[in-house]
Amino acid sequence: DGIYRFYHGSFKVYWLQELTERIVAQLRQVMPEREPDPRFTHIL
């Protein structure tokens, strides 16, 4: 639905940010002592 909302022009595309942040938080938990790649951090 979030991707559909992008094409629909709906503000609900903004809701994808929450899922993105949860993914990143979980990936960071895998190796909490390591910082993600700076290119990825820039995109994020």
ModelCIF file with pLDDT and N, C-alpha, C, O atoms, coordinates in Angstrom:
data_MODEL
#
_entry.id   MODEL 
#
_entity.id                         1 
_entity.type                       polymer 
_entity.pdbx_number_of_molecules   1 
#
_entity_poly.entity_id                      1 
_entity_poly.type                           'polypeptide(L)' 
_entity_poly.nstd_linkage                   no 
_entity_poly.nstd_monomer                   no 
_entity_poly.pdbx_seq_one_letter_code       DGIYRFYHGSFKVYWLQELTERIVAQLRQVMPEREPDPRFTHIL 
_entity_poly.pdbx_seq_one_letter_code_can   DGIYRFYHGSFKVYWLQELTERIVAQLRQVMPEREPDPRFTHIL 
_entity_poly.pdbx_strand_id                 A 
#
loop_
_entity_poly_seq.entity_id 
_entity_poly_seq.num 
_entity_poly_seq.mon_id 
_entity_poly_seq.hetero 
1 1  ASP n 
1 2  GLY n 
1 3  ILE n 
1 4  TYR n 
1 5  ARG n 
1 6  PHE n 
1 7  TYR n 
1 8  HIS n 
1 9  GLY n 
1 10 SER n 
1 11 PHE n 
1 12 LYS n 
1 13 VAL n 
1 14 TYR n 
1 15 TRP n 
1 16 LEU n 
1 17 GLN n 
1 18 GLU n 
1 19 LEU n 
1 20 THR n 
1 21 GLU n 
1 22 ARG n 
1 23 ILE n 
1 24 VAL n 
1 25 ALA n 
1 26 GLN n 
1 27 LEU n 
1 28 ARG n 
1 29 GLN n 
1 30 VAL n 
1 31 MET n 
1 32 PRO n 
1 33 GLU n 
1 34 ARG n 
1 35 GLU n 
1 36 PRO n 
1 37 ASP n 
1 38 PRO n 
1 39 ARG n 
1 40 PHE n 
1 41 THR n 
1 42 HIS n 
1 43 ILE n 
1 44 LEU n 
#
_struct_asym.id          A 
_struct_asym.entity_id   1 
#
loop_
_ma_qa_metric.id 
_ma_qa_metric.mode 
_ma_qa_metric.name 
_ma_qa_metric.software_group_id 
_ma_qa_metric.type 
1 global pLDDT . pLDDT 
2 local  pLDDT . pLDDT 
#
_ma_qa_metric_global.metric_id      1 
_ma_qa_metric_global.metric_value   96.20 
_ma_qa_metric_global.model_id       1 
_ma_qa_metric_global.ordinal_id     1 
#
loop_
_ma_qa_metric_local.label_asym_id 
_ma_qa_metric_local.label_comp_id 
_ma_qa_metric_local.label_seq_id 
_ma_qa_metric_local.metric_id 
_ma_qa_metric_local.metric_value 
_ma_qa_metric_local.model_id 
_ma_qa_metric_local.ordinal_id 
A ASP 1  2 92.00 1 1  
A GLY 2  2 91.00 1 2  
A ILE 3  2 93.00 1 3  
A TYR 4  2 95.00 1 4  
A ARG 5  2 94.00 1 5  
A PHE 6  2 95.00 1 6  
A TYR 7  2 95.00 1 7  
A HIS 8  2 95.00 1 8  
A GLY 9  2 93.00 1 9  
A SER 10 2 93.00 1 10 
A PHE 11 2 93.00 1 11 
A LYS 12 2 93.00 1 12 
A VAL 13 2 96.00 1 13 
A TYR 14 2 96.00 1 14 
A TRP 15 2 94.00 1 15 
A LEU 16 2 96.00 1 16 
A GLN 17 2 97.00 1 17 
A GLU 18 2 96.00 1 18 
A LEU 19 2 96.00 1 19 
A THR 20 2 97.00 1 20 
A GLU 21 2 98.00 1 21 
A ARG 22 2 97.00 1 22 
A ILE 23 2 98.00 1 23 
A VAL 24 2 98.00 1 24 
A ALA 25 2 98.00 1 25 
A GLN 26 2 98.00 1 26 
A LEU 27 2 98.00 1 27 
A ARG 28 2 98.00 1 28 
A GLN 29 2 98.00 1 29 
A VAL 30 2 98.00 1 30 
A MET 31 2 98.00 1 31 
A PRO 32 2 97.00 1 32 
A GLU 33 2 96.00 1 33 
A ARG 34 2 97.00 1 34 
A GLU 35 2 95.00 1 35 
A PRO 36 2 97.00 1 36 
A ASP 37 2 98.00 1 37 
A PRO 38 2 98.00 1 38 
A ARG 39 2 98.00 1 39 
A PHE 40 2 98.00 1 40 
A THR 41 2 98.00 1 41 
A HIS 42 2 98.00 1 42 
A ILE 43 2 98.00 1 43 
A LEU 44 2 98.00 1 44 
#
loop_
_atom_site.group_PDB 
_atom_site.id 
_atom_site.type_symbol 
_atom_site.label_atom_id 
_atom_site.label_alt_id 
_atom_site.label_comp_id 
_atom_site.label_asym_id 
_atom_site.label_entity_id 
_atom_site.label_seq_id 
_atom_site.pdbx_PDB_ins_code 
_atom_site.Cartn_x 
_atom_site.Cartn_y 
_atom_site.Cartn_z 
_atom_site.occupancy 
_atom_site.B_iso_or_equiv 
_atom_site.pdbx_formal_charge 
_atom_site.auth_seq_id 
_atom_site.auth_comp_id 
_atom_site.auth_asym_id 
_atom_site.auth_atom_id 
_atom_site.pdbx_PDB_model_num 
ATOM 1   N N  . ASP A 1 1  ? 0.819  -1.203 0.000  1.00 92.00 ? 1  ASP A N  1 
ATOM 2   C CA . ASP A 1 1  ? 0.000  0.000  0.000  1.00 92.00 ? 1  ASP A CA 1 
ATOM 3   C C  . ASP A 1 1  ? 0.858  1.261  0.000  1.00 92.00 ? 1  ASP A C  1 
ATOM 4   O O  . ASP A 1 1  ? 0.516  2.242  -0.660 1.00 92.00 ? 1  ASP A O  1 
ATOM 5   N N  . GLY A 1 2  ? 1.971  1.242  0.735  1.00 91.00 ? 2  GLY A N  1 
ATOM 6   C CA . GLY A 1 2  ? 2.844  2.418  0.767  1.00 91.00 ? 2  GLY A CA 1 
ATOM 7   C C  . GLY A 1 2  ? 3.393  2.776  -0.601 1.00 91.00 ? 2  GLY A C  1 
ATOM 8   O O  . GLY A 1 2  ? 3.490  3.952  -0.952 1.00 91.00 ? 2  GLY A O  1 
ATOM 9   N N  . ILE A 1 3  ? 3.750  1.769  -1.365 1.00 93.00 ? 3  ILE A N  1 
ATOM 10  C CA . ILE A 1 3  ? 4.271  2.016  -2.719 1.00 93.00 ? 3  ILE A CA 1 
ATOM 11  C C  . ILE A 1 3  ? 3.143  2.493  -3.627 1.00 93.00 ? 3  ILE A C  1 
ATOM 12  O O  . ILE A 1 3  ? 3.329  3.402  -4.435 1.00 93.00 ? 3  ILE A O  1 
ATOM 13  N N  . TYR A 1 4  ? 1.982  1.876  -3.488 1.00 95.00 ? 4  TYR A N  1 
ATOM 14  C CA . TYR A 1 4  ? 0.818  2.342  -4.244 1.00 95.00 ? 4  TYR A CA 1 
ATOM 15  C C  . TYR A 1 4  ? 0.540  3.813  -3.938 1.00 95.00 ? 4  TYR A C  1 
ATOM 16  O O  . TYR A 1 4  ? 0.232  4.592  -4.840 1.00 95.00 ? 4  TYR A O  1 
ATOM 17  N N  . ARG A 1 5  ? 0.648  4.190  -2.664 1.00 94.00 ? 5  ARG A N  1 
ATOM 18  C CA . ARG A 1 5  ? 0.346  5.573  -2.263 1.00 94.00 ? 5  ARG A CA 1 
ATOM 19  C C  . ARG A 1 5  ? 1.289  6.578  -2.918 1.00 94.00 ? 5  ARG A C  1 
ATOM 20  O O  . ARG A 1 5  ? 0.905  7.721  -3.167 1.00 94.00 ? 5  ARG A O  1 
ATOM 21  N N  . PHE A 1 6  ? 2.503  6.162  -3.193 1.00 95.00 ? 6  PHE A N  1 
ATOM 22  C CA . PHE A 1 6  ? 3.437  7.027  -3.916 1.00 95.00 ? 6  PHE A CA 1 
ATOM 23  C C  . PHE A 1 6  ? 2.847  7.377  -5.278 1.00 95.00 ? 6  PHE A C  1 
ATOM 24  O O  . PHE A 1 6  ? 2.815  8.544  -5.668 1.00 95.00 ? 6  PHE A O  1 
ATOM 25  N N  . TYR A 1 7  ? 2.383  6.361  -5.996 1.00 95.00 ? 7  TYR A N  1 
ATOM 26  C CA . TYR A 1 7  ? 1.834  6.595  -7.335 1.00 95.00 ? 7  TYR A CA 1 
ATOM 27  C C  . TYR A 1 7  ? 0.472  7.267  -7.285 1.00 95.00 ? 7  TYR A C  1 
ATOM 28  O O  . TYR A 1 7  ? 0.086  7.965  -8.222 1.00 95.00 ? 7  TYR A O  1 
ATOM 29  N N  . HIS A 1 8  ? -0.243 7.062  -6.214 1.00 95.00 ? 8  HIS A N  1 
ATOM 30  C CA . HIS A 1 8  ? -1.561 7.673  -6.042 1.00 95.00 ? 8  HIS A CA 1 
ATOM 31  C C  . HIS A 1 8  ? -1.452 9.135  -5.620 1.00 95.00 ? 8  HIS A C  1 
ATOM 32  O O  . HIS A 1 8  ? -2.419 9.889  -5.720 1.00 95.00 ? 8  HIS A O  1 
ATOM 33  N N  . GLY A 1 9  ? -0.273 9.530  -5.150 1.00 93.00 ? 9  GLY A N  1 
ATOM 34  C CA . GLY A 1 9  ? -0.100 10.905 -4.690 1.00 93.00 ? 9  GLY A CA 1 
ATOM 35  C C  . GLY A 1 9  ? -0.669 11.124 -3.301 1.00 93.00 ? 9  GLY A C  1 
ATOM 36  O O  . GLY A 1 9  ? -1.098 12.229 -2.968 1.00 93.00 ? 9  GLY A O  1 
ATOM 37  N N  . SER A 1 10 ? -0.676 10.070 -2.487 1.00 93.00 ? 10 SER A N  1 
ATOM 38  C CA . SER A 1 10 ? -1.257 10.159 -1.152 1.00 93.00 ? 10 SER A CA 1 
ATOM 39  C C  . SER A 1 10 ? -0.178 10.346 -0.090 1.00 93.00 ? 10 SER A C  1 
ATOM 40  O O  . SER A 1 10 ? 0.909  9.774  -0.170 1.00 93.00 ? 10 SER A O  1 
ATOM 41  N N  . PHE A 1 11 ? -0.510 11.161 0.899  1.00 93.00 ? 11 PHE A N  1 
ATOM 42  C CA . PHE A 1 11 ? 0.407  11.388 2.021  1.00 93.00 ? 11 PHE A CA 1 
ATOM 43  C C  . PHE A 1 11 ? 0.728  10.089 2.755  1.00 93.00 ? 11 PHE A C  1 
ATOM 44  O O  . PHE A 1 11 ? 1.699  10.044 3.510  1.00 93.00 ? 11 PHE A O  1 
ATOM 45  N N  . LYS A 1 12 ? -0.053 9.042  2.556  1.00 93.00 ? 12 LYS A N  1 
ATOM 46  C CA . LYS A 1 12 ? 0.180  7.773  3.251  1.00 93.00 ? 12 LYS A CA 1 
ATOM 47  C C  . LYS A 1 12 ? 1.492  7.111  2.851  1.00 93.00 ? 12 LYS A C  1 
ATOM 48  O O  . LYS A 1 12 ? 1.939  6.181  3.523  1.00 93.00 ? 12 LYS A O  1 
ATOM 49  N N  . VAL A 1 13 ? 2.116  7.568  1.774  1.00 96.00 ? 13 VAL A N  1 
ATOM 50  C CA . VAL A 1 13 ? 3.448  7.066  1.431  1.00 96.00 ? 13 VAL A CA 1 
ATOM 51  C C  . VAL A 1 13 ? 4.426  7.365  2.567  1.00 96.00 ? 13 VAL A C  1 
ATOM 52  O O  . VAL A 1 13 ? 5.403  6.639  2.753  1.00 96.00 ? 13 VAL A O  1 
ATOM 53  N N  . TYR A 1 14 ? 4.169  8.418  3.314  1.00 96.00 ? 14 TYR A N  1 
ATOM 54  C CA . TYR A 1 14 ? 5.027  8.797  4.433  1.00 96.00 ? 14 TYR A CA 1 
ATOM 55  C C  . TYR A 1 14 ? 5.055  7.712  5.515  1.00 96.00 ? 14 TYR A C  1 
ATOM 56  O O  . TYR A 1 14 ? 6.010  7.627  6.286  1.00 96.00 ? 14 TYR A O  1 
ATOM 57  N N  . TRP A 1 15 ? 4.013  6.888  5.571  1.00 94.00 ? 15 TRP A N  1 
ATOM 58  C CA . TRP A 1 15 ? 3.944  5.837  6.583  1.00 94.00 ? 15 TRP A CA 1 
ATOM 59  C C  . TRP A 1 15 ? 5.020  4.768  6.380  1.00 94.00 ? 15 TRP A C  1 
ATOM 60  O O  . TRP A 1 15 ? 5.358  4.047  7.319  1.00 94.00 ? 15 TRP A O  1 
ATOM 61  N N  . LEU A 1 16 ? 5.563  4.661  5.156  1.00 96.00 ? 16 LEU A N  1 
ATOM 62  C CA . LEU A 1 16 ? 6.640  3.693  4.914  1.00 96.00 ? 16 LEU A CA 1 
ATOM 63  C C  . LEU A 1 16 ? 7.880  3.987  5.760  1.00 96.00 ? 16 LEU A C  1 
ATOM 64  O O  . LEU A 1 16 ? 8.681  3.091  6.030  1.00 96.00 ? 16 LEU A O  1 
ATOM 65  N N  . GLN A 1 17 ? 8.031  5.230  6.170  1.00 97.00 ? 17 GLN A N  1 
ATOM 66  C CA . GLN A 1 17 ? 9.205  5.602  6.960  1.00 97.00 ? 17 GLN A CA 1 
ATOM 67  C C  . GLN A 1 17 ? 9.278  4.806  8.259  1.00 97.00 ? 17 GLN A C  1 
ATOM 68  O O  . GLN A 1 17 ? 10.367 4.438  8.701  1.00 97.00 ? 17 GLN A O  1 
ATOM 69  N N  . GLU A 1 18 ? 8.146  4.542  8.864  1.00 96.00 ? 18 GLU A N  1 
ATOM 70  C CA . GLU A 1 18 ? 8.129  3.804  10.128 1.00 96.00 ? 18 GLU A CA 1 
ATOM 71  C C  . GLU A 1 18 ? 8.662  2.388  9.926  1.00 96.00 ? 18 GLU A C  1 
ATOM 72  O O  . GLU A 1 18 ? 9.456  1.906  10.734 1.00 96.00 ? 18 GLU A O  1 
ATOM 73  N N  . LEU A 1 19 ? 8.233  1.720  8.856  1.00 96.00 ? 19 LEU A N  1 
ATOM 74  C CA . LEU A 1 19 ? 8.716  0.369  8.567  1.00 96.00 ? 19 LEU A CA 1 
ATOM 75  C C  . LEU A 1 19 ? 10.204 0.400  8.232  1.00 96.00 ? 19 LEU A C  1 
ATOM 76  O O  . LEU A 1 19 ? 10.956 -0.468 8.673  1.00 96.00 ? 19 LEU A O  1 
ATOM 77  N N  . THR A 1 20 ? 10.627 1.381  7.466  1.00 97.00 ? 20 THR A N  1 
ATOM 78  C CA . THR A 1 20 ? 12.049 1.522  7.138  1.00 97.00 ? 20 THR A CA 1 
ATOM 79  C C  . THR A 1 20 ? 12.881 1.665  8.408  1.00 97.00 ? 20 THR A C  1 
ATOM 80  O O  . THR A 1 20 ? 13.914 1.012  8.551  1.00 97.00 ? 20 THR A O  1 
ATOM 81  N N  . GLU A 1 21 ? 12.442 2.504  9.317  1.00 98.00 ? 21 GLU A N  1 
ATOM 82  C CA . GLU A 1 21 ? 13.185 2.718  10.563 1.00 98.00 ? 21 GLU A CA 1 
ATOM 83  C C  . GLU A 1 21 ? 13.220 1.456  11.428 1.00 98.00 ? 21 GLU A C  1 
ATOM 84  O O  . GLU A 1 21 ? 14.220 1.191  12.095 1.00 98.00 ? 21 GLU A O  1 
ATOM 85  N N  . ARG A 1 22 ? 12.146 0.683  11.419 1.00 97.00 ? 22 ARG A N  1 
ATOM 86  C CA . ARG A 1 22 ? 12.139 -0.579 12.173 1.00 97.00 ? 22 ARG A CA 1 
ATOM 87  C C  . ARG A 1 22 ? 13.104 -1.592 11.566 1.00 97.00 ? 22 ARG A C  1 
ATOM 88  O O  . ARG A 1 22 ? 13.786 -2.319 12.288 1.00 97.00 ? 22 ARG A O  1 
ATOM 89  N N  . ILE A 1 23 ? 13.157 -1.635 10.235 1.00 98.00 ? 23 ILE A N  1 
ATOM 90  C CA . ILE A 1 23 ? 14.101 -2.538 9.565  1.00 98.00 ? 23 ILE A CA 1 
ATOM 91  C C  . ILE A 1 23 ? 15.525 -2.174 9.969  1.00 98.00 ? 23 ILE A C  1 
ATOM 92  O O  . ILE A 1 23 ? 16.310 -3.039 10.356 1.00 98.00 ? 23 ILE A O  1 
ATOM 93  N N  . VAL A 1 24 ? 15.845 -0.906 9.877  1.00 98.00 ? 24 VAL A N  1 
ATOM 94  C CA . VAL A 1 24 ? 17.202 -0.461 10.188 1.00 98.00 ? 24 VAL A CA 1 
ATOM 95  C C  . VAL A 1 24 ? 17.533 -0.733 11.653 1.00 98.00 ? 24 VAL A C  1 
ATOM 96  O O  . VAL A 1 24 ? 18.642 -1.167 11.963 1.00 98.00 ? 24 VAL A O  1 
ATOM 97  N N  . ALA A 1 25 ? 16.606 -0.488 12.538 1.00 98.00 ? 25 ALA A N  1 
ATOM 98  C CA . ALA A 1 25 ? 16.854 -0.757 13.957 1.00 98.00 ? 25 ALA A CA 1 
ATOM 99  C C  . ALA A 1 25 ? 17.152 -2.239 14.178 1.00 98.00 ? 25 ALA A C  1 
ATOM 100 O O  . ALA A 1 25 ? 18.041 -2.589 14.954 1.00 98.00 ? 25 ALA A O  1 
ATOM 101 N N  . GLN A 1 26 ? 16.410 -3.105 13.496 1.00 98.00 ? 26 GLN A N  1 
ATOM 102 C CA . GLN A 1 26 ? 16.644 -4.542 13.659 1.00 98.00 ? 26 GLN A CA 1 
ATOM 103 C C  . GLN A 1 26 ? 17.984 -4.948 13.053 1.00 98.00 ? 26 GLN A C  1 
ATOM 104 O O  . GLN A 1 26 ? 18.705 -5.752 13.644 1.00 98.00 ? 26 GLN A O  1 
ATOM 105 N N  . LEU A 1 27 ? 18.325 -4.415 11.900 1.00 98.00 ? 27 LEU A N  1 
ATOM 106 C CA . LEU A 1 27 ? 19.624 -4.721 11.293 1.00 98.00 ? 27 LEU A CA 1 
ATOM 107 C C  . LEU A 1 27 ? 20.770 -4.237 12.177 1.00 98.00 ? 27 LEU A C  1 
ATOM 108 O O  . LEU A 1 27 ? 21.805 -4.895 12.276 1.00 98.00 ? 27 LEU A O  1 
ATOM 109 N N  . ARG A 1 28 ? 20.584 -3.111 12.803 1.00 98.00 ? 28 ARG A N  1 
ATOM 110 C CA . ARG A 1 28 ? 21.624 -2.597 13.702 1.00 98.00 ? 28 ARG A CA 1 
ATOM 111 C C  . ARG A 1 28 ? 21.806 -3.497 14.922 1.00 98.00 ? 28 ARG A C  1 
ATOM 112 O O  . ARG A 1 28 ? 22.910 -3.605 15.455 1.00 98.00 ? 28 ARG A O  1 
ATOM 113 N N  . GLN A 1 29 ? 20.734 -4.140 15.361 1.00 98.00 ? 29 GLN A N  1 
ATOM 114 C CA . GLN A 1 29 ? 20.818 -5.047 16.504 1.00 98.00 ? 29 GLN A CA 1 
ATOM 115 C C  . GLN A 1 29 ? 21.667 -6.280 16.201 1.00 98.00 ? 29 GLN A C  1 
ATOM 116 O O  . GLN A 1 29 ? 22.200 -6.909 17.115 1.00 98.00 ? 29 GLN A O  1 
ATOM 117 N N  . VAL A 1 30 ? 21.792 -6.624 14.925 1.00 98.00 ? 30 VAL A N  1 
ATOM 118 C CA . VAL A 1 30 ? 22.601 -7.782 14.539 1.00 98.00 ? 30 VAL A CA 1 
ATOM 119 C C  . VAL A 1 30 ? 24.062 -7.559 14.930 1.00 98.00 ? 30 VAL A C  1 
ATOM 120 O O  . VAL A 1 30 ? 24.715 -8.462 15.453 1.00 98.00 ? 30 VAL A O  1 
ATOM 121 N N  . MET A 1 31 ? 24.564 -6.367 14.676 1.00 98.00 ? 31 MET A N  1 
ATOM 122 C CA . MET A 1 31 ? 25.954 -6.004 15.002 1.00 98.00 ? 31 MET A CA 1 
ATOM 123 C C  . MET A 1 31 ? 25.941 -4.587 15.575 1.00 98.00 ? 31 MET A C  1 
ATOM 124 O O  . MET A 1 31 ? 26.356 -3.651 14.891 1.00 98.00 ? 31 MET A O  1 
ATOM 125 N N  . PRO A 1 32 ? 25.480 -4.407 16.804 1.00 97.00 ? 32 PRO A N  1 
ATOM 126 C CA . PRO A 1 32 ? 25.302 -3.059 17.350 1.00 97.00 ? 32 PRO A CA 1 
ATOM 127 C C  . PRO A 1 32 ? 26.591 -2.251 17.466 1.00 97.00 ? 32 PRO A C  1 
ATOM 128 O O  . PRO A 1 32 ? 26.542 -1.023 17.537 1.00 97.00 ? 32 PRO A O  1 
ATOM 129 N N  . GLU A 1 33 ? 27.717 -2.908 17.485 1.00 96.00 ? 33 GLU A N  1 
ATOM 130 C CA . GLU A 1 33 ? 28.993 -2.198 17.594 1.00 96.00 ? 33 GLU A CA 1 
ATOM 131 C C  . GLU A 1 33 ? 29.474 -1.658 16.246 1.00 96.00 ? 33 GLU A C  1 
ATOM 132 O O  . GLU A 1 33 ? 30.469 -0.934 16.191 1.00 96.00 ? 33 GLU A O  1 
ATOM 133 N N  . ARG A 1 34 ? 28.778 -2.002 15.159 1.00 97.00 ? 34 ARG A N  1 
ATOM 134 C CA . ARG A 1 34 ? 29.181 -1.578 13.818 1.00 97.00 ? 34 ARG A CA 1 
ATOM 135 C C  . ARG A 1 34 ? 28.215 -0.508 13.300 1.00 97.00 ? 34 ARG A C  1 
ATOM 136 O O  . ARG A 1 34 ? 27.001 -0.624 13.464 1.00 97.00 ? 34 ARG A O  1 
ATOM 137 N N  . GLU A 1 35 ? 28.760 0.514  12.686 1.00 95.00 ? 35 GLU A N  1 
ATOM 138 C CA . GLU A 1 35 ? 27.928 1.552  12.063 1.00 95.00 ? 35 GLU A CA 1 
ATOM 139 C C  . GLU A 1 35 ? 27.584 1.131  10.637 1.00 95.00 ? 35 GLU A C  1 
ATOM 140 O O  . GLU A 1 35 ? 28.439 0.587  9.937  1.00 95.00 ? 35 GLU A O  1 
ATOM 141 N N  . PRO A 1 36 ? 26.354 1.371  10.193 1.00 97.00 ? 36 PRO A N  1 
ATOM 142 C CA . PRO A 1 36 ? 26.010 1.049  8.802  1.00 97.00 ? 36 PRO A CA 1 
ATOM 143 C C  . PRO A 1 36 ? 26.854 1.860  7.819  1.00 97.00 ? 36 PRO A C  1 
ATOM 144 O O  . PRO A 1 36 ? 27.386 2.919  8.151  1.00 97.00 ? 36 PRO A O  1 
ATOM 145 N N  . ASP A 1 37 ? 26.957 1.338  6.621  1.00 98.00 ? 37 ASP A N  1 
ATOM 146 C CA . ASP A 1 37 ? 27.695 1.985  5.544  1.00 98.00 ? 37 ASP A CA 1 
ATOM 147 C C  . ASP A 1 37 ? 27.253 3.449  5.403  1.00 98.00 ? 37 ASP A C  1 
ATOM 148 O O  . ASP A 1 37 ? 26.056 3.733  5.446  1.00 98.00 ? 37 ASP A O  1 
ATOM 149 N N  . PRO A 1 38 ? 28.199 4.377  5.237  1.00 98.00 ? 38 PRO A N  1 
ATOM 150 C CA . PRO A 1 38 ? 27.843 5.803  5.133  1.00 98.00 ? 38 PRO A CA 1 
ATOM 151 C C  . PRO A 1 38 ? 26.935 6.127  3.947  1.00 98.00 ? 38 PRO A C  1 
ATOM 152 O O  . PRO A 1 38 ? 26.125 7.051  4.028  1.00 98.00 ? 38 PRO A O  1 
ATOM 153 N N  . ARG A 1 39 ? 27.058 5.380  2.848  1.00 98.00 ? 39 ARG A N  1 
ATOM 154 C CA . ARG A 1 39 ? 26.162 5.624  1.704  1.00 98.00 ? 39 ARG A CA 1 
ATOM 155 C C  . ARG A 1 39 ? 24.736 5.270  2.077  1.00 98.00 ? 39 ARG A C  1 
ATOM 156 O O  . ARG A 1 39 ? 23.798 5.995  1.747  1.00 98.00 ? 39 ARG A O  1 
ATOM 157 N N  . PHE A 1 40 ? 24.580 4.146  2.769  1.00 98.00 ? 40 PHE A N  1 
ATOM 158 C CA . PHE A 1 40 ? 23.256 3.754  3.226  1.00 98.00 ? 40 PHE A CA 1 
ATOM 159 C C  . PHE A 1 40 ? 22.709 4.782  4.213  1.00 98.00 ? 40 PHE A C  1 
ATOM 160 O O  . PHE A 1 40 ? 21.543 5.169  4.135  1.00 98.00 ? 40 PHE A O  1 
ATOM 161 N N  . THR A 1 41 ? 23.549 5.215  5.130  1.00 98.00 ? 41 THR A N  1 
ATOM 162 C CA . THR A 1 41 ? 23.131 6.205  6.130  1.00 98.00 ? 41 THR A CA 1 
ATOM 163 C C  . THR A 1 41 ? 22.658 7.487  5.462  1.00 98.00 ? 41 THR A C  1 
ATOM 164 O O  . THR A 1 41 ? 21.691 8.104  5.910  1.00 98.00 ? 41 THR A O  1 
ATOM 165 N N  . HIS A 1 42 ? 23.332 7.886  4.399  1.00 98.00 ? 42 HIS A N  1 
ATOM 166 C CA . HIS A 1 42 ? 22.937 9.089  3.646  1.00 98.00 ? 42 HIS A CA 1 
ATOM 167 C C  . HIS A 1 42 ? 21.545 8.893  3.028  1.00 98.00 ? 42 HIS A C  1 
ATOM 168 O O  . HIS A 1 42 ? 20.691 9.774  3.123  1.00 98.00 ? 42 HIS A O  1 
ATOM 169 N N  . ILE A 1 43 ? 21.327 7.748  2.404  1.00 98.00 ? 43 ILE A N  1 
ATOM 170 C CA . ILE A 1 43 ? 20.027 7.453  1.789  1.00 98.00 ? 43 ILE A CA 1 
ATOM 171 C C  . ILE A 1 43 ? 18.946 7.435  2.869  1.00 98.00 ? 43 ILE A C  1 
ATOM 172 O O  . ILE A 1 43 ? 17.860 7.980  2.674  1.00 98.00 ? 43 ILE A O  1 
ATOM 173 N N  . LEU A 1 44 ? 19.243 6.812  3.996  1.00 98.00 ? 44 LEU A N  1 
ATOM 174 C CA . LEU A 1 44 ? 18.293 6.727  5.095  1.00 98.00 ? 44 LEU A CA 1 
ATOM 175 C C  . LEU A 1 44 ? 17.945 8.115  5.631  1.00 98.00 ? 44 LEU A C  1 
ATOM 176 O O  . LEU A 1 44 ? 17.152 8.235  6.565  1.00 98.00 ? 44 LEU A O  1 
#
